[in-house]
C-alpha atoms as a PDB file:
ATOM      1  CA  MET A   1       9.654  10.413  23.118  1.00  0.00           C
ATOM      2  CA  PRO A   2       7.989  13.336  21.273  1.00  0.00           C
ATOM      3  CA  LEU A   3       6.585  12.858  17.810  1.00  0.00           C
ATOM      4  CA  THR A   4       8.779  13.867  14.940  1.00  0.00           C
ATOM      5  CA  GLN A   5       8.294  17.544  14.135  1.00  0.00           C
ATOM      6  CA  ASP A   6      10.349  18.120  10.972  1.00  0.00           C
ATOM      7  CA  ILE A   7       8.140  16.174   8.529  1.00  0.00           C
ATOM      8  CA  PRO A   8       5.448  18.163   6.685  1.00  0.00           C
ATOM      9  CA  THR A   9       1.940  17.668   8.013  1.00  0.00           C
ATOM     10  CA  ASP A  10      -0.127  18.604   4.988  1.00  0.00           C
ATOM     11  CA  LEU A  11      -0.431  17.074   1.528  1.00  0.00           C
ATOM     12  CA  PRO A  12      -1.504  19.741  -1.012  1.00  0.00           C
ATOM     13  CA  ALA A  13      -4.874  18.968  -2.571  1.00  0.00           C
ATOM     14  CA  ASP A  14      -3.436  19.556  -6.049  1.00  0.00           C
ATOM     15  CA  ASP A  15      -0.614  17.041  -5.556  1.00  0.00           C
ATOM     16  CA  PRO A  16      -0.972  14.426  -8.369  1.00  0.00           C
ATOM     17  CA  ARG A  17      -0.518  11.641  -5.822  1.00  0.00           C
ATOM     18  CA  ILE A  18      -3.892  12.494  -4.341  1.00  0.00           C
ATOM     19  CA  LYS A  19      -5.604  14.394  -7.132  1.00  0.00           C
ATOM     20  CA  ARG A  20      -5.351  11.848  -9.980  1.00  0.00           C
ATOM     21  CA  PRO A  21      -7.098   8.471  -9.709  1.00  0.00           C
ATOM     22  CA  VAL A  22      -5.024   5.503 -10.897  1.00  0.00           C
ATOM     23  CA  PHE A  23      -6.835   2.293  -9.939  1.00  0.00           C
ATOM     24  CA  THR A  24     -10.329   0.923  -9.602  1.00  0.00           C
ATOM     25  CA  LEU A  25     -11.017  -0.619  -6.211  1.00  0.00           C
ATOM     26  CA  ARG A  26     -10.901  -4.061  -7.774  1.00  0.00           C
ATOM     27  CA  GLU A  27      -7.532  -3.393  -9.413  1.00  0.00           C
ATOM     28  CA  ALA A  28      -6.035  -2.039  -6.210  1.00  0.00           C
ATOM     29  CA  ALA A  29      -7.335  -5.020  -4.237  1.00  0.00           C
ATOM     30  CA  GLY A  30      -5.863  -7.406  -6.774  1.00  0.00           C
ATOM     31  CA  TYR A  31      -2.396  -5.863  -6.717  1.00  0.00           C
ATOM     32  CA  LEU A  32      -2.411  -5.839  -2.914  1.00  0.00           C
ATOM     33  CA  GLY A  33      -3.742  -9.356  -2.496  1.00  0.00           C
ATOM     34  CA  LEU A  34      -6.835  -8.162  -0.632  1.00  0.00           C
ATOM     35  CA  PRO A  35     -10.421  -9.350  -0.966  1.00  0.00           C
ATOM     36  CA  ASN A  36     -12.322  -6.764  -2.946  1.00  0.00           C
ATOM     37  CA  SER A  37     -14.940  -6.602  -0.192  1.00  0.00           C
ATOM     38  CA  THR A  38     -12.296  -5.717   2.387  1.00  0.00           C
ATOM     39  CA  LEU A  39     -10.894  -2.803   0.403  1.00  0.00           C
ATOM     40  CA  HIS A  40     -14.399  -1.631  -0.397  1.00  0.00           C
ATOM     41  CA  SER A  41     -15.242  -1.565   3.327  1.00  0.00           C
ATOM     42  CA  TRP A  42     -12.202   0.630   3.971  1.00  0.00           C
ATOM     43  CA  ALA A  43     -12.800   2.999   1.063  1.00  0.00           C
ATOM     44  CA  ARG A  44     -16.612   3.130   0.974  1.00  0.00           C
ATOM     45  CA  PRO A  45     -17.956   1.968   4.345  1.00  0.00           C
ATOM     46  CA  ALA A  46     -21.713   2.148   4.842  1.00  0.00           C
ATOM     47  CA  HIS A  47     -21.711   3.657   8.331  1.00  0.00           C
ATOM     48  CA  ALA A  48     -18.284   5.105   9.050  1.00  0.00           C
ATOM     49  CA  ASP A  49     -15.681   7.428   7.610  1.00  0.00           C
ATOM     50  CA  PRO A  50     -13.399   5.938   4.952  1.00  0.00           C
ATOM     51  CA  ILE A  51      -9.823   5.099   5.919  1.00  0.00           C
ATOM     52  CA  VAL A  52      -8.646   4.731   2.321  1.00  0.00           C
ATOM     53  CA  THR A  53      -8.762   7.765   0.031  1.00  0.00           C
ATOM     54  CA  CYS A  54     -11.095   7.091  -2.862  1.00  0.00           C
ATOM     55  CA  PHE A  55     -13.160   9.238  -5.212  1.00  0.00           C
ATOM     56  CA  PRO A  56     -16.884   8.635  -5.762  1.00  0.00           C
ATOM     57  CA  ALA A  57     -17.775   5.798  -8.093  1.00  0.00           C
ATOM     58  CA  ARG A  58     -17.452   6.681 -11.779  1.00  0.00           C
ATOM     59  CA  GLY A  59     -18.756   3.638 -13.575  1.00  0.00           C
ATOM     60  CA  ARG A  60     -15.713   1.576 -14.472  1.00  0.00           C
ATOM     61  CA  GLU A  61     -13.272   4.449 -14.228  1.00  0.00           C
ATOM     62  CA  ALA A  62     -10.381   4.547 -11.770  1.00  0.00           C
ATOM     63  CA  THR A  63     -11.205   6.070  -8.398  1.00  0.00           C
ATOM     64  CA  VAL A  64      -8.198   5.267  -6.153  1.00  0.00           C
ATOM     65  CA  PRO A  65      -5.296   7.775  -6.249  1.00  0.00           C
ATOM     66  CA  PHE A  66      -1.754   6.764  -5.377  1.00  0.00           C
ATOM     67  CA  ILE A  67      -2.148   8.028  -1.789  1.00  0.00           C
ATOM     68  CA  GLY A  68      -5.205   5.813  -1.375  1.00  0.00           C
ATOM     69  CA  PHE A  69      -3.225   2.879  -2.759  1.00  0.00           C
ATOM     70  CA  ALA A  70      -0.425   3.556  -0.272  1.00  0.00           C
ATOM     71  CA  GLU A  71      -2.945   3.727   2.580  1.00  0.00           C
ATOM     72  CA  ALA A  72      -4.481   0.434   1.483  1.00  0.00           C
ATOM     73  CA  TYR A  73      -1.046  -1.130   1.319  1.00  0.00           C
ATOM     74  CA  ILE A  74      -0.308  -0.165   4.928  1.00  0.00           C
ATOM     75  CA  LEU A  75      -3.682  -1.520   6.022  1.00  0.00           C
ATOM     76  CA  SER A  76      -2.883  -4.771   4.239  1.00  0.00           C
ATOM     77  CA  VAL A  77       0.337  -4.908   6.307  1.00  0.00           C
ATOM     78  CA  PHE A  78      -1.627  -4.543   9.542  1.00  0.00           C
ATOM     79  CA  ARG A  79      -3.908  -7.307   8.345  1.00  0.00           C
ATOM     80  CA  ARG A  80      -0.950  -9.583   7.556  1.00  0.00           C
ATOM     81  CA  ALA A  81       0.332  -8.952  11.061  1.00  0.00           C
ATOM     82  CA  GLY A  82      -2.802 -10.546  12.438  1.00  0.00           C
ATOM     83  CA  VAL A  83      -4.859  -7.513  13.399  1.00  0.00           C
ATOM     84  CA  PRO A  84      -8.555  -8.408  13.029  1.00  0.00           C
ATOM     85  CA  LEU A  85     -10.465  -6.317  10.513  1.00  0.00           C
ATOM     86  CA  GLN A  86     -12.697  -4.827  13.223  1.00  0.00           C
ATOM     87  CA  ARG A  87      -9.672  -3.535  15.128  1.00  0.00           C
ATOM     88  CA  ILE A  88      -7.940  -1.923  12.180  1.00  0.00           C
ATOM     89  CA  ARG A  89     -10.222   1.085  12.069  1.00  0.00           C
ATOM     90  CA  PRO A  90      -9.691   2.094  15.756  1.00  0.00           C
ATOM     91  CA  ALA A  91      -5.945   1.706  15.229  1.00  0.00           C
ATOM     92  CA  VAL A  92      -6.037   4.059  12.238  1.00  0.00           C
ATOM     93  CA  ALA A  93      -8.139   6.547  14.220  1.00  0.00           C
ATOM     94  CA  ALA A  94      -5.540   6.536  16.989  1.00  0.00           C
ATOM     95  CA  LEU A  95      -2.730   7.127  14.503  1.00  0.00           C
ATOM     96  CA  SER A  96      -4.508  10.007  12.792  1.00  0.00           C
ATOM     97  CA  LYS A  97      -5.359  11.627  16.122  1.00  0.00           C
ATOM     98  CA  GLU A  98      -1.917  11.374  17.703  1.00  0.00           C
ATOM     99  CA  ILE A  99       0.110  12.113  14.590  1.00  0.00           C
ATOM    100  CA  GLY A 100      -2.276  14.917  13.864  1.00  0.00           C
ATOM    101  CA  ILE A 101      -2.577  14.739  10.094  1.00  0.00           C
ATOM    102  CA  ALA A 102      -4.920  13.461   7.430  1.00  0.00           C
ATOM    103  CA  HIS A 103      -3.594  10.518   5.392  1.00  0.00           C
ATOM    104  CA  ALA A 104      -1.364   9.474   8.277  1.00  0.00           C
ATOM    105  CA  LEU A 105      -0.948   6.022   6.785  1.00  0.00           C
ATOM    106  CA  ALA A 106       0.791   7.525   3.723  1.00  0.00           C
ATOM    107  CA  SER A 107       3.078   9.825   5.755  1.00  0.00           C
ATOM    108  CA  GLU A 108       6.643   9.112   6.759  1.00  0.00           C
ATOM    109  CA  ARG A 109       5.505   9.955  10.278  1.00  0.00           C
ATOM    110  CA  LEU A 110       3.873   6.526  10.372  1.00  0.00           C
ATOM    111  CA  TYR A 111       7.356   5.041   9.925  1.00  0.00           C
ATOM    112  CA  THR A 112       9.044   7.351  12.440  1.00  0.00           C
ATOM    113  CA  ASP A 113       6.315   7.707  15.098  1.00  0.00           C
ATOM    114  CA  GLY A 114       3.682   5.061  14.413  1.00  0.00           C
ATOM    115  CA  ALA A 115       5.142   2.278  16.569  1.00  0.00           C
ATOM    116  CA  GLU A 116       5.130   4.487  19.647  1.00  0.00           C
ATOM    117  CA  VAL A 117       1.587   5.676  19.030  1.00  0.00           C
ATOM    118  CA  LEU A 118       0.207   2.176  18.418  1.00  0.00           C
ATOM    119  CA  TYR A 119       2.059   0.663  21.377  1.00  0.00           C
ATOM    120  CA  ASP A 120       0.787   3.367  23.744  1.00  0.00           C
ATOM    121  CA  TYR A 121      -2.745   3.064  22.363  1.00  0.00           C
ATOM    122  CA  ALA A 122      -2.785  -0.718  22.718  1.00  0.00           C
ATOM    123  CA  THR A 123      -1.448  -0.477  26.281  1.00  0.00           C
ATOM    124  CA  GLU A 124      -3.838   2.255  27.381  1.00  0.00           C
ATOM    125  CA  HIS A 125      -6.912   0.561  25.898  1.00  0.00           C
ATOM    126  CA  ASP A 126      -5.870  -3.037  26.662  1.00  0.00           C
ATOM    127  CA  GLU A 127      -5.957  -3.851  22.960  1.00  0.00           C
ATOM    128  CA  GLU A 128      -4.229  -7.226  22.916  1.00  0.00           C
ATOM    129  CA  GLN A 129      -5.253  -7.722  19.304  1.00  0.00           C
ATOM    130  CA  LEU A 130      -2.829  -4.956  18.302  1.00  0.00           C
ATOM    131  CA  SER A 131       0.110  -6.529  20.107  1.00  0.00           C
ATOM    132  CA  GLY A 132       1.440  -8.135  16.939  1.00  0.00           C
ATOM    133  CA  LEU A 133       2.234  -4.727  15.439  1.00  0.00           C
ATOM    134  CA  THR A 134       4.860  -3.513  17.907  1.00  0.00           C
ATOM    135  CA  VAL A 135       7.612  -4.720  20.209  1.00  0.00           C
ATOM    136  CA  VAL A 136       9.921  -3.112  22.789  1.00  0.00           C
ATOM    137  CA  ARG A 137      13.672  -3.470  22.282  1.00  0.00           C
ATOM    138  CA  THR A 138      16.261  -1.793  24.534  1.00  0.00           C
ATOM    139  CA  GLY A 139      13.524   0.414  25.887  1.00  0.00           C
ATOM    140  CA  GLN A 140      12.378   1.623  22.465  1.00  0.00           C
ATOM    141  CA  ARG A 141       8.979   0.945  20.944  1.00  0.00           C
ATOM    142  CA  GLU A 142       9.446  -0.483  17.441  1.00  0.00           C
ATOM    143  CA  PHE A 143       7.357  -2.107  14.803  1.00  0.00           C
ATOM    144  CA  ALA A 144       7.490  -5.880  14.811  1.00  0.00           C
ATOM    145  CA  GLU A 145       9.775  -7.379  12.169  1.00  0.00           C
ATOM    146  CA  VAL A 146       6.930  -8.541   9.920  1.00  0.00           C
ATOM    147  CA  VAL A 147       5.554  -4.994   9.884  1.00  0.00           C
ATOM    148  CA  LYS A 148       8.941  -3.337   9.552  1.00  0.00           C
ATOM    149  CA  ASP A 149       9.842  -5.507   6.546  1.00  0.00           C
ATOM    150  CA  TYR A 150       6.741  -4.428   4.697  1.00  0.00           C
ATOM    151  CA  LEU A 151       7.064  -0.768   5.665  1.00  0.00           C
ATOM    152  CA  LYS A 152      10.548  -0.758   4.124  1.00  0.00           C
ATOM    153  CA  ARG A 153       8.841  -1.311   0.758  1.00  0.00           C
ATOM    154  CA  VAL A 154       7.462   2.230   0.902  1.00  0.00           C
ATOM    155  CA  THR A 155       9.713   5.009  -0.385  1.00  0.00           C
ATOM    156  CA  TYR A 156       9.004   8.527   0.866  1.00  0.00           C
ATOM    157  CA  GLY A 157       9.671  11.738  -1.023  1.00  0.00           C
ATOM    158  CA  THR A 158      11.552  14.695   0.329  1.00  0.00           C
ATOM    159  CA  ASP A 159       8.207  16.133   1.356  1.00  0.00           C
ATOM    160  CA  GLY A 160       7.600  13.233   3.764  1.00  0.00           C
ATOM    161  CA  TRP A 161       4.818  11.542   1.800  1.00  0.00           C
ATOM    162  CA  ALA A 162       4.795   8.137   0.122  1.00  0.00           C
ATOM    163  CA  SER A 163       6.208   8.339  -3.399  1.00  0.00           C
ATOM    164  CA  GLN A 164       6.640   4.679  -4.339  1.00  0.00           C
ATOM    165  CA  VAL A 165       5.494   1.240  -3.182  1.00  0.00           C
ATOM    166  CA  ARG A 166       7.269  -2.045  -4.017  1.00  0.00           C
ATOM    167  CA  LEU A 167       4.634  -4.742  -4.263  1.00  0.00           C
ATOM    168  CA  PRO A 168       5.251  -7.832  -2.070  1.00  0.00           C
ATOM    169  CA  ALA A 169       3.411 -10.487  -4.112  1.00  0.00           C
ATOM    170  CA  TYR A 170       6.279 -11.202  -6.522  1.00  0.00           C
ATOM    171  CA  GLU A 171       9.082 -13.696  -5.827  1.00  0.00           C
ATOM    172  CA  HIS A 172      11.451 -12.728  -8.658  1.00  0.00           C
ATOM    173  CA  ALA A 173      10.154  -9.558 -10.304  1.00  0.00           C
ATOM    174  CA  ASP A 174      10.789  -6.181  -8.710  1.00  0.00           C
ATOM    175  CA  VAL A 175       7.423  -4.498  -9.277  1.00  0.00           C
ATOM    176  CA  ILE A 176       6.759  -0.937  -8.159  1.00  0.00           C
ATOM    177  CA  VAL A 177       3.889   1.527  -8.133  1.00  0.00           C
ATOM    178  CA  ASP A 178       5.282   4.982  -8.727  1.00  0.00           C
ATOM    179  CA  PRO A 179       2.934   7.863  -9.683  1.00  0.00           C
ATOM    180  CA  SER A 180       5.723   9.521 -11.649  1.00  0.00           C
ATOM    181  CA  ARG A 181       6.237   6.490 -13.919  1.00  0.00           C
ATOM    182  CA  ALA A 182       3.917   4.601 -16.259  1.00  0.00           C
ATOM    183  CA  PHE A 183       1.007   6.820 -15.177  1.00  0.00           C
ATOM    184  CA  GLY A 184       1.160   5.184 -11.748  1.00  0.00           C
ATOM    185  CA  MET A 185       0.450   1.674 -12.992  1.00  0.00           C
ATOM    186  CA  PRO A 186       2.603  -1.221 -11.661  1.00  0.00           C
ATOM    187  CA  LEU A 187       5.749  -1.789 -13.682  1.00  0.00           C
ATOM    188  CA  VAL A 188       8.693  -4.171 -13.624  1.00  0.00           C
ATOM    189  CA  VAL A 189      11.889  -2.308 -12.744  1.00  0.00           C
ATOM    190  CA  HIS A 190      14.075  -4.506 -14.928  1.00  0.00           C
ATOM    191  CA  GLY A 191      12.980  -3.463 -18.394  1.00  0.00           C
ATOM    192  CA  GLY A 192      10.447  -0.855 -17.319  1.00  0.00           C
ATOM    193  CA  ALA A 193       7.429  -2.710 -18.714  1.00  0.00           C
ATOM    194  CA  ARG A 194       3.983  -2.253 -17.270  1.00  0.00           C
ATOM    195  CA  VAL A 195       2.612  -5.375 -15.609  1.00  0.00           C
ATOM    196  CA  GLU A 196      -0.653  -5.115 -17.539  1.00  0.00           C
ATOM    197  CA  ASP A 197       1.198  -5.042 -20.874  1.00  0.00           C
ATOM    198  CA  LEU A 198       3.076  -8.247 -20.050  1.00  0.00           C
ATOM    199  CA  VAL A 199      -0.105  -9.968 -18.920  1.00  0.00           C
ATOM    200  CA  ASP A 200      -2.068  -8.808 -21.964  1.00  0.00           C
ATOM    201  CA  ARG A 201       0.588 -10.256 -24.282  1.00  0.00           C
ATOM    202  CA  PHE A 202       0.443 -13.588 -22.427  1.00  0.00           C
ATOM    203  CA  LYS A 203      -3.333 -13.660 -22.637  1.00  0.00           C
ATOM    204  CA  ALA A 204      -3.043 -13.019 -26.363  1.00  0.00           C
ATOM    205  CA  GLY A 205      -1.065 -16.238 -26.718  1.00  0.00           C
ATOM    206  CA  ASP A 206       2.521 -15.004 -26.883  1.00  0.00           C
ATOM    207  CA  SER A 207       5.207 -17.174 -25.287  1.00  0.00           C
ATOM    208  CA  LEU A 208       7.068 -16.089 -22.173  1.00  0.00           C
ATOM    209  CA  ALA A 209      10.304 -16.068 -24.169  1.00  0.00           C
ATOM    210  CA  ASP A 210       8.891 -13.742 -26.832  1.00  0.00           C
ATOM    211  CA  ILE A 211       7.425 -11.399 -24.206  1.00  0.00           C
ATOM    212  CA  ALA A 212      10.738 -11.276 -22.387  1.00  0.00           C
ATOM    213  CA  ASP A 213      12.641 -10.484 -25.589  1.00  0.00           C
ATOM    214  CA  ASP A 214      10.203  -7.808 -26.732  1.00  0.00           C
ATOM    215  CA  PHE A 215      10.085  -5.939 -23.421  1.00  0.00           C
ATOM    216  CA  GLY A 216      13.636  -6.557 -22.204  1.00  0.00           C
ATOM    217  CA  VAL A 217      12.342  -8.181 -19.008  1.00  0.00           C
ATOM    218  CA  PRO A 218      14.104 -11.343 -17.777  1.00  0.00           C
ATOM    219  CA  GLN A 219      11.974 -14.387 -18.514  1.00  0.00           C
ATOM    220  CA  PRO A 220      11.768 -15.553 -14.856  1.00  0.00           C
ATOM    221  CA  GLU A 221      10.342 -12.142 -13.991  1.00  0.00           C
ATOM    222  CA  VAL A 222       7.800 -12.326 -16.800  1.00  0.00           C
ATOM    223  CA  GLU A 223       6.751 -15.772 -15.561  1.00  0.00           C
ATOM    224  CA  ASP A 224       6.447 -14.363 -12.030  1.00  0.00           C
ATOM    225  CA  VAL A 225       4.239 -11.519 -13.216  1.00  0.00           C
ATOM    226  CA  VAL A 226       2.007 -13.914 -15.120  1.00  0.00           C
ATOM    227  CA  ARG A 227       1.828 -16.262 -12.129  1.00  0.00           C
ATOM    228  CA  VAL A 228       0.655 -13.515  -9.798  1.00  0.00           C
ATOM    229  CA  ALA A 229      -1.864 -12.221 -12.334  1.00  0.00           C
ATOM    230  CA  THR A 230      -3.286 -15.713 -12.888  1.00  0.00           C
ATOM    231  CA  ARG A 231      -3.540 -16.347  -9.170  1.00  0.00           C
ATOM    232  CA  THR A 232      -5.242 -13.008  -8.590  1.00  0.00           C
ATOM    233  CA  ALA A 233      -7.741 -13.617 -11.384  1.00  0.00           C
ATOM    234  CA  ALA A 234      -8.560 -17.022  -9.928  1.00  0.00           C
END
């Protein structure tokens, strides 16, 4: 089956999703449930090309744009599917080569064509460690359910590039990262409050009930946000 041809293959350099940094590496790792060292090795490897878009270090300033965050999210999905860290980079190289675009992980073409590319690559190179990513159903190469479920959390814009990511760490709260809202910082859909604002109020000693009332976020969702933040900090 030929790769999809009607999805744009270039992300303009002045697009705010790639031009404007939103997170530090540590922040991005925390929101994605990744070890900081793992994300650092993807964004600033010592002896290889980066596979996560990241600007040069700027002290404590943000360096990861939304596109880099979306790329890191997809890599975290591969990791959850059981792909060893050392095999993730060759898999990304195969995707980028066959799909033929930079930032392939943040493109809708990953969703439409990625399963076929990864299946063919794993078969051709006898990469059994990638077998958990794809399956064959009724003759079609598809992503495995665990991968598909996580990929569904990415929303793509009309231009074919990632425009929103729903974070998977929360049990009750619907938390999204959307570069067009809250300056790209994670926010709770119900009430529209930024995650960091809820957590800051809790750290300041406010009760969950008061925080929920002030921000219009259901209390179980506030508790969920605080739980994830506390776990991540630990």
